[in-house]
Amino acid sequence: MQIAQQVQDRRSPKLEQSEHWHSMSAEQKMALYSLHRFGYRLLFVRHLPSGPLAVIAQHNQVASISQHGAVDFDTQVQLRE
């Protein structure tokens, strides 16, 4: 007898870009605004116990912005394929 196990996907429905933007802090928005001229774009905002973490990218380079606006160009954020 075969038993099929279902693996539940934890991903939420895909949010619109404006929904990610509105969940960012003012400091994150200012940091991202200053990086737009270098080609960085907002991918998503991850909600952590310490506050929102904005994940941004420029081509293949991924970076993150803390809730206080600090940009980490060597972030350890893992992206799903």
PDB file of N, CA and C in Angstrom:
ATOM      1  N   MET A   1       0.839  -1.181   0.000  1.00  0.00           N
ATOM      2  CA  MET A   1       0.000   0.000   0.000  1.00  0.00           C
ATOM      3  C   MET A   1       0.888   1.250   0.000  1.00  0.00           C
ATOM      4  N   GLN A   2       0.558   2.186  -0.861  1.00  0.00           N
ATOM      5  CA  GLN A   2       1.320   3.427  -0.927  1.00  0.00           C
ATOM      6  C   GLN A   2       0.580   4.523  -0.182  1.00  0.00           C
ATOM      7  N   ILE A   3       1.318   5.275   0.566  1.00  0.00           N
ATOM      8  CA  ILE A   3       0.741   6.411   1.287  1.00  0.00           C
ATOM      9  C   ILE A   3       1.382   7.673   0.723  1.00  0.00           C
ATOM     10  N   ALA A   4       0.552   8.541   0.241  1.00  0.00           N
ATOM     11  CA  ALA A   4       1.043   9.814  -0.301  1.00  0.00           C
ATOM     12  C   ALA A   4       1.091  10.842   0.820  1.00  0.00           C
ATOM     13  N   GLN A   5       2.240  11.410   0.973  1.00  0.00           N
ATOM     14  CA  GLN A   5       2.377  12.473   1.960  1.00  0.00           C
ATOM     15  C   GLN A   5       2.378  13.807   1.234  1.00  0.00           C
ATOM     16  N   GLN A   6       1.592  14.692   1.723  1.00  0.00           N
ATOM     17  CA  GLN A   6       1.531  16.015   1.108  1.00  0.00           C
ATOM     18  C   GLN A   6       2.446  16.950   1.879  1.00  0.00           C
ATOM     19  N   VAL A   7       3.258  17.634   1.155  1.00  0.00           N
ATOM     20  CA  VAL A   7       4.122  18.649   1.746  1.00  0.00           C
ATOM     21  C   VAL A   7       3.431  19.985   1.552  1.00  0.00           C
ATOM     22  N   GLN A   8       3.115  20.596   2.646  1.00  0.00           N
ATOM     23  CA  GLN A   8       2.395  21.871   2.571  1.00  0.00           C
ATOM     24  C   GLN A   8       3.383  22.997   2.303  1.00  0.00           C
ATOM     25  N   ASP A   9       3.093  23.792   1.327  1.00  0.00           N
ATOM     26  CA  ASP A   9       3.920  24.934   0.978  1.00  0.00           C
ATOM     27  C   ASP A   9       3.603  26.072   1.928  1.00  0.00           C
ATOM     28  N   ARG A  10       4.636  26.605   2.594  1.00  0.00           N
ATOM     29  CA  ARG A  10       4.433  27.668   3.577  1.00  0.00           C
ATOM     30  C   ARG A  10       4.335  29.042   2.938  1.00  0.00           C
ATOM     31  N   ARG A  11       4.591  29.129   1.666  1.00  0.00           N
ATOM     32  CA  ARG A  11       4.570  30.440   1.020  1.00  0.00           C
ATOM     33  C   ARG A  11       3.165  31.017   1.013  1.00  0.00           C
ATOM     34  N   SER A  12       3.099  32.290   1.293  1.00  0.00           N
ATOM     35  CA  SER A  12       1.827  33.014   1.234  1.00  0.00           C
ATOM     36  C   SER A  12       1.567  33.410  -0.216  1.00  0.00           C
ATOM     37  N   PRO A  13       0.354  33.817  -0.519  1.00  0.00           N
ATOM     38  CA  PRO A  13       0.104  34.318  -1.878  1.00  0.00           C
ATOM     39  C   PRO A  13       1.028  35.504  -2.174  1.00  0.00           C
ATOM     40  N   LYS A  14       1.430  35.622  -3.416  1.00  0.00           N
ATOM     41  CA  LYS A  14       2.349  36.689  -3.807  1.00  0.00           C
ATOM     42  C   LYS A  14       1.706  38.056  -3.582  1.00  0.00           C
ATOM     43  N   LEU A  15       2.433  38.922  -2.880  1.00  0.00           N
ATOM     44  CA  LEU A  15       1.933  40.266  -2.588  1.00  0.00           C
ATOM     45  C   LEU A  15       2.311  41.213  -3.713  1.00  0.00           C
ATOM     46  N   GLU A  16       1.522  42.238  -3.867  1.00  0.00           N
ATOM     47  CA  GLU A  16       1.830  43.286  -4.837  1.00  0.00           C
ATOM     48  C   GLU A  16       3.009  44.115  -4.312  1.00  0.00           C
ATOM     49  N   GLN A  17       3.737  44.735  -5.220  1.00  0.00           N
ATOM     50  CA  GLN A  17       4.893  45.556  -4.849  1.00  0.00           C
ATOM     51  C   GLN A  17       4.501  46.667  -3.873  1.00  0.00           C
ATOM     52  N   SER A  18       3.329  47.255  -4.067  1.00  0.00           N
ATOM     53  CA  SER A  18       2.894  48.344  -3.184  1.00  0.00           C
ATOM     54  C   SER A  18       2.667  47.848  -1.756  1.00  0.00           C
ATOM     55  N   GLU A  19       2.258  46.590  -1.601  1.00  0.00           N
ATOM     56  CA  GLU A  19       2.057  46.036  -0.271  1.00  0.00           C
ATOM     57  C   GLU A  19       3.396  45.868   0.454  1.00  0.00           C
ATOM     58  N   HIS A  20       4.436  45.473  -0.288  1.00  0.00           N
ATOM     59  CA  HIS A  20       5.767  45.396   0.312  1.00  0.00           C
ATOM     60  C   HIS A  20       6.248  46.788   0.696  1.00  0.00           C
ATOM     61  N   TRP A  21       6.038  47.746  -0.184  1.00  0.00           N
ATOM     62  CA  TRP A  21       6.480  49.124   0.062  1.00  0.00           C
ATOM     63  C   TRP A  21       5.835  49.673   1.336  1.00  0.00           C
ATOM     64  N   HIS A  22       4.543  49.443   1.513  1.00  0.00           N
ATOM     65  CA  HIS A  22       3.840  49.983   2.671  1.00  0.00           C
ATOM     66  C   HIS A  22       4.242  49.305   3.982  1.00  0.00           C
ATOM     67  N   SER A  23       4.822  48.116   3.915  1.00  0.00           N
ATOM     68  CA  SER A  23       5.235  47.440   5.149  1.00  0.00           C
ATOM     69  C   SER A  23       6.658  47.810   5.561  1.00  0.00           C
ATOM     70  N   MET A  24       7.311  48.668   4.788  1.00  0.00           N
ATOM     71  CA  MET A  24       8.669  49.120   5.120  1.00  0.00           C
ATOM     72  C   MET A  24       8.615  50.306   6.072  1.00  0.00           C
ATOM     73  N   SER A  25       9.682  50.466   6.855  1.00  0.00           N
ATOM     74  CA  SER A  25       9.792  51.633   7.733  1.00  0.00           C
ATOM     75  C   SER A  25      10.228  52.833   6.893  1.00  0.00           C
ATOM     76  N   ALA A  26      10.088  54.017   7.452  1.00  0.00           N
ATOM     77  CA  ALA A  26      10.491  55.232   6.744  1.00  0.00           C
ATOM     78  C   ALA A  26      11.992  55.214   6.443  1.00  0.00           C
ATOM     79  N   GLU A  27      12.786  54.695   7.376  1.00  0.00           N
ATOM     80  CA  GLU A  27      14.234  54.620   7.177  1.00  0.00           C
ATOM     81  C   GLU A  27      14.584  53.681   6.021  1.00  0.00           C
ATOM     82  N   GLN A  28      13.864  52.574   5.904  1.00  0.00           N
ATOM     83  CA  GLN A  28      14.096  51.645   4.801  1.00  0.00           C
ATOM     84  C   GLN A  28      13.732  52.287   3.471  1.00  0.00           C
ATOM     85  N   LYS A  29      12.628  53.006   3.449  1.00  0.00           N
ATOM     86  CA  LYS A  29      12.203  53.669   2.208  1.00  0.00           C
ATOM     87  C   LYS A  29      13.238  54.699   1.759  1.00  0.00           C
ATOM     88  N   MET A  30      13.786  55.460   2.707  1.00  0.00           N
ATOM     89  CA  MET A  30      14.795  56.466   2.357  1.00  0.00           C
ATOM     90  C   MET A  30      16.061  55.801   1.825  1.00  0.00           C
ATOM     91  N   ALA A  31      16.479  54.688   2.457  1.00  0.00           N
ATOM     92  CA  ALA A  31      17.675  53.979   1.998  1.00  0.00           C
ATOM     93  C   ALA A  31      17.458  53.413   0.599  1.00  0.00           C
ATOM     94  N   LEU A  32      16.310  52.805   0.369  1.00  0.00           N
ATOM     95  CA  LEU A  32      16.018  52.242  -0.954  1.00  0.00           C
ATOM     96  C   LEU A  32      15.918  53.339  -2.000  1.00  0.00           C
ATOM     97  N   TYR A  33      15.309  54.448  -1.642  1.00  0.00           N
ATOM     98  CA  TYR A  33      15.186  55.562  -2.578  1.00  0.00           C
ATOM     99  C   TYR A  33      16.563  56.032  -3.043  1.00  0.00           C
ATOM    100  N   SER A  34      17.525  56.082  -2.117  1.00  0.00           N
ATOM    101  CA  SER A  34      18.872  56.523  -2.495  1.00  0.00           C
ATOM    102  C   SER A  34      19.606  55.482  -3.343  1.00  0.00           C
ATOM    103  N   LEU A  35      19.207  54.204  -3.252  1.00  0.00           N
ATOM    104  CA  LEU A  35      19.851  53.148  -4.038  1.00  0.00           C
ATOM    105  C   LEU A  35      19.194  52.921  -5.398  1.00  0.00           C
ATOM    106  N   HIS A  36      18.017  53.494  -5.616  1.00  0.00           N
ATOM    107  CA  HIS A  36      17.329  53.331  -6.903  1.00  0.00           C
ATOM    108  C   HIS A  36      18.183  53.812  -8.064  1.00  0.00           C
ATOM    109  N   ARG A  37      18.927  54.868  -7.869  1.00  0.00           N
ATOM    110  CA  ARG A  37      19.727  55.414  -8.967  1.00  0.00           C
ATOM    111  C   ARG A  37      20.855  54.468  -9.386  1.00  0.00           C
ATOM    112  N   PHE A  38      21.184  53.492  -8.517  1.00  0.00           N
ATOM    113  CA  PHE A  38      22.196  52.493  -8.854  1.00  0.00           C
ATOM    114  C   PHE A  38      21.571  51.206  -9.400  1.00  0.00           C
ATOM    115  N   GLY A  39      20.253  51.216  -9.566  1.00  0.00           N
ATOM    116  CA  GLY A  39      19.572  50.079 -10.156  1.00  0.00           C
ATOM    117  C   GLY A  39      19.001  49.078  -9.170  1.00  0.00           C
ATOM    118  N   TYR A  40      19.021  49.388  -7.888  1.00  0.00           N
ATOM    119  CA  TYR A  40      18.450  48.463  -6.897  1.00  0.00           C
ATOM    120  C   TYR A  40      16.934  48.544  -6.926  1.00  0.00           C
ATOM    121  N   ARG A  41      16.294  47.385  -6.739  1.00  0.00           N
ATOM    122  CA  ARG A  41      14.836  47.317  -6.717  1.00  0.00           C
ATOM    123  C   ARG A  41      14.415  46.466  -5.520  1.00  0.00           C
ATOM    124  N   LEU A  42      13.234  46.720  -5.032  1.00  0.00           N
ATOM    125  CA  LEU A  42      12.690  45.983  -3.899  1.00  0.00           C
ATOM    126  C   LEU A  42      12.171  44.632  -4.370  1.00  0.00           C
ATOM    127  N   LEU A  43      12.634  43.557  -3.728  1.00  0.00           N
ATOM    128  CA  LEU A  43      12.130  42.221  -4.041  1.00  0.00           C
ATOM    129  C   LEU A  43      10.954  41.873  -3.139  1.00  0.00           C
ATOM    130  N   PHE A  44      11.176  41.982  -1.821  1.00  0.00           N
ATOM    131  CA  PHE A  44      10.126  41.668  -0.855  1.00  0.00           C
ATOM    132  C   PHE A  44      10.553  42.162   0.516  1.00  0.00           C
ATOM    133  N   VAL A  45       9.626  42.120   1.454  1.00  0.00           N
ATOM    134  CA  VAL A  45       9.911  42.468   2.846  1.00  0.00           C
ATOM    135  C   VAL A  45       9.618  41.241   3.690  1.00  0.00           C
ATOM    136  N   ARG A  46      10.619  40.827   4.441  1.00  0.00           N
ATOM    137  CA  ARG A  46      10.473  39.682   5.338  1.00  0.00           C
ATOM    138  C   ARG A  46      10.162  40.235   6.733  1.00  0.00           C
ATOM    139  N   HIS A  47       9.118  39.700   7.360  1.00  0.00           N
ATOM    140  CA  HIS A  47       8.711  40.176   8.676  1.00  0.00           C
ATOM    141  C   HIS A  47       9.351  39.304   9.750  1.00  0.00           C
ATOM    142  N   LEU A  48      10.285  39.891  10.482  1.00  0.00           N
ATOM    143  CA  LEU A  48      11.023  39.200  11.532  1.00  0.00           C
ATOM    144  C   LEU A  48      10.612  39.741  12.898  1.00  0.00           C
ATOM    145  N   PRO A  49      10.878  38.999  13.969  1.00  0.00           N
ATOM    146  CA  PRO A  49      10.568  39.512  15.318  1.00  0.00           C
ATOM    147  C   PRO A  49      11.271  40.842  15.618  1.00  0.00           C
ATOM    148  N   SER A  50      12.446  41.051  15.020  1.00  0.00           N
ATOM    149  CA  SER A  50      13.194  42.290  15.242  1.00  0.00           C
ATOM    150  C   SER A  50      12.694  43.443  14.380  1.00  0.00           C
ATOM    151  N   GLY A  51      11.760  43.170  13.478  1.00  0.00           N
ATOM    152  CA  GLY A  51      11.210  44.206  12.605  1.00  0.00           C
ATOM    153  C   GLY A  51      11.325  43.808  11.153  1.00  0.00           C
ATOM    154  N   PRO A  52      10.800  44.637  10.246  1.00  0.00           N
ATOM    155  CA  PRO A  52      10.822  44.284   8.821  1.00  0.00           C
ATOM    156  C   PRO A  52      12.239  44.320   8.252  1.00  0.00           C
ATOM    157  N   LEU A  53      12.536  43.374   7.360  1.00  0.00           N
ATOM    158  CA  LEU A  53      13.809  43.319   6.660  1.00  0.00           C
ATOM    159  C   LEU A  53      13.499  43.405   5.170  1.00  0.00           C
ATOM    160  N   ALA A  54      13.895  44.502   4.541  1.00  0.00           N
ATOM    161  CA  ALA A  54      13.657  44.691   3.111  1.00  0.00           C
ATOM    162  C   ALA A  54      14.775  44.012   2.336  1.00  0.00           C
ATOM    163  N   VAL A  55      14.421  43.192   1.373  1.00  0.00           N
ATOM    164  CA  VAL A  55      15.394  42.505   0.528  1.00  0.00           C
ATOM    165  C   VAL A  55      15.353  43.169  -0.842  1.00  0.00           C
ATOM    166  N   ILE A  56      16.520  43.624  -1.286  1.00  0.00           N
ATOM    167  CA  ILE A  56      16.633  44.372  -2.536  1.00  0.00           C
ATOM    168  C   ILE A  56      17.649  43.670  -3.435  1.00  0.00           C
ATOM    169  N   ALA A  57      17.643  44.032  -4.708  1.00  0.00           N
ATOM    170  CA  ALA A  57      18.598  43.422  -5.639  1.00  0.00           C
ATOM    171  C   ALA A  57      18.960  44.393  -6.741  1.00  0.00           C
ATOM    172  N   GLN A  58      20.178  44.201  -7.246  1.00  0.00           N
ATOM    173  CA  GLN A  58      20.673  44.898  -8.429  1.00  0.00           C
ATOM    174  C   GLN A  58      21.297  43.812  -9.289  1.00  0.00           C
ATOM    175  N   HIS A  59      20.672  43.512 -10.392  1.00  0.00           N
ATOM    176  CA  HIS A  59      21.077  42.400 -11.248  1.00  0.00           C
ATOM    177  C   HIS A  59      21.090  41.127 -10.407  1.00  0.00           C
ATOM    178  N   ASN A  60      22.249  40.517 -10.172  1.00  0.00           N
ATOM    179  CA  ASN A  60      22.337  39.288  -9.378  1.00  0.00           C
ATOM    180  C   ASN A  60      22.832  39.537  -7.960  1.00  0.00           C
ATOM    181  N   GLN A  61      23.076  40.787  -7.599  1.00  0.00           N
ATOM    182  CA  GLN A  61      23.564  41.107  -6.261  1.00  0.00           C
ATOM    183  C   GLN A  61      22.384  41.384  -5.338  1.00  0.00           C
ATOM    184  N   VAL A  62      22.276  40.605  -4.257  1.00  0.00           N
ATOM    185  CA  VAL A  62      21.188  40.756  -3.291  1.00  0.00           C
ATOM    186  C   VAL A  62      21.732  41.474  -2.065  1.00  0.00           C
ATOM    187  N   ALA A  63      20.944  42.392  -1.534  1.00  0.00           N
ATOM    188  CA  ALA A  63      21.292  43.122  -0.319  1.00  0.00           C
ATOM    189  C   ALA A  63      20.041  43.220   0.543  1.00  0.00           C
ATOM    190  N   SER A  64      20.212  43.694   1.762  1.00  0.00           N
ATOM    191  CA  SER A  64      19.057  43.869   2.645  1.00  0.00           C
ATOM    192  C   SER A  64      19.167  45.202   3.361  1.00  0.00           C
ATOM    193  N   ILE A  65      18.017  45.683   3.815  1.00  0.00           N
ATOM    194  CA  ILE A  65      17.946  46.942   4.560  1.00  0.00           C
ATOM    195  C   ILE A  65      17.227  46.652   5.868  1.00  0.00           C
ATOM    196  N   SER A  66      17.895  46.940   6.994  1.00  0.00           N
ATOM    197  CA  SER A  66      17.291  46.722   8.308  1.00  0.00           C
ATOM    198  C   SER A  66      16.189  47.741   8.547  1.00  0.00           C
ATOM    199  N   GLN A  67      15.400  47.523   9.585  1.00  0.00           N
ATOM    200  CA  GLN A  67      14.304  48.451   9.876  1.00  0.00           C
ATOM    201  C   GLN A  67      14.808  49.853  10.192  1.00  0.00           C
ATOM    202  N   HIS A  68      16.096  49.979  10.562  1.00  0.00           N
ATOM    203  CA  HIS A  68      16.665  51.286  10.879  1.00  0.00           C
ATOM    204  C   HIS A  68      17.350  51.932   9.683  1.00  0.00           C
ATOM    205  N   GLY A  69      17.289  51.276   8.518  1.00  0.00           N
ATOM    206  CA  GLY A  69      17.836  51.860   7.295  1.00  0.00           C
ATOM    207  C   GLY A  69      19.270  51.465   6.988  1.00  0.00           C
ATOM    208  N   ALA A  70      19.859  50.551   7.770  1.00  0.00           N
ATOM    209  CA  ALA A  70      21.231  50.107   7.510  1.00  0.00           C
ATOM    210  C   ALA A  70      21.223  49.106   6.358  1.00  0.00           C
ATOM    211  N   VAL A  71      22.039  49.378   5.352  1.00  0.00           N
ATOM    212  CA  VAL A  71      22.104  48.512   4.168  1.00  0.00           C
ATOM    213  C   VAL A  71      23.221  47.494   4.358  1.00  0.00           C
ATOM    214  N   ASP A  72      22.904  46.226   4.125  1.00  0.00           N
ATOM    215  CA  ASP A  72      23.871  45.142   4.216  1.00  0.00           C
ATOM    216  C   ASP A  72      24.065  44.578   2.813  1.00  0.00           C
ATOM    217  N   PHE A  73      25.198  44.921   2.195  1.00  0.00           N
ATOM    218  CA  PHE A  73      25.471  44.454   0.835  1.00  0.00           C
ATOM    219  C   PHE A  73      26.012  43.027   0.812  1.00  0.00           C
ATOM    220  N   ASP A  74      26.306  42.480   1.991  1.00  0.00           N
ATOM    221  CA  ASP A  74      26.798  41.102   2.108  1.00  0.00           C
ATOM    222  C   ASP A  74      25.811  40.293   2.947  1.00  0.00           C
ATOM    223  N   THR A  75      24.538  40.392   2.605  1.00  0.00           N
ATOM    224  CA  THR A  75      23.482  39.763   3.389  1.00  0.00           C
ATOM    225  C   THR A  75      23.516  38.243   3.257  1.00  0.00           C
ATOM    226  N   GLN A  76      23.015  37.566   4.260  1.00  0.00           N
ATOM    227  CA  GLN A  76      22.963  36.107   4.267  1.00  0.00           C
ATOM    228  C   GLN A  76      21.576  35.596   3.907  1.00  0.00           C
ATOM    229  N   VAL A  77      20.723  36.440   3.338  1.00  0.00           N
ATOM    230  CA  VAL A  77      19.364  36.052   2.966  1.00  0.00           C
ATOM    231  C   VAL A  77      19.432  35.045   1.827  1.00  0.00           C
ATOM    232  N   GLN A  78      18.727  33.933   1.993  1.00  0.00           N
ATOM    233  CA  GLN A  78      18.672  32.892   0.969  1.00  0.00           C
ATOM    234  C   GLN A  78      17.383  33.059   0.167  1.00  0.00           C
ATOM    235  N   LEU A  79      17.485  33.077  -1.143  1.00  0.00           N
ATOM    236  CA  LEU A  79      16.318  33.195  -2.008  1.00  0.00           C
ATOM    237  C   LEU A  79      15.931  31.830  -2.539  1.00  0.00           C
ATOM    238  N   ARG A  80      14.628  31.603  -2.659  1.00  0.00           N
ATOM    239  CA  ARG A  80      14.145  30.354  -3.252  1.00  0.00           C
ATOM    240  C   ARG A  80      14.281  30.416  -4.754  1.00  0.00           C
ATOM    241  N   GLU A  81      14.480  29.276  -5.338  1.00  0.00           N
ATOM    242  CA  GLU A  81      14.587  29.188  -6.807  1.00  0.00           C
ATOM    243  C   GLU A  81      13.220  29.288  -7.422  1.00  0.00           C
TER     244      GLU A  81
END
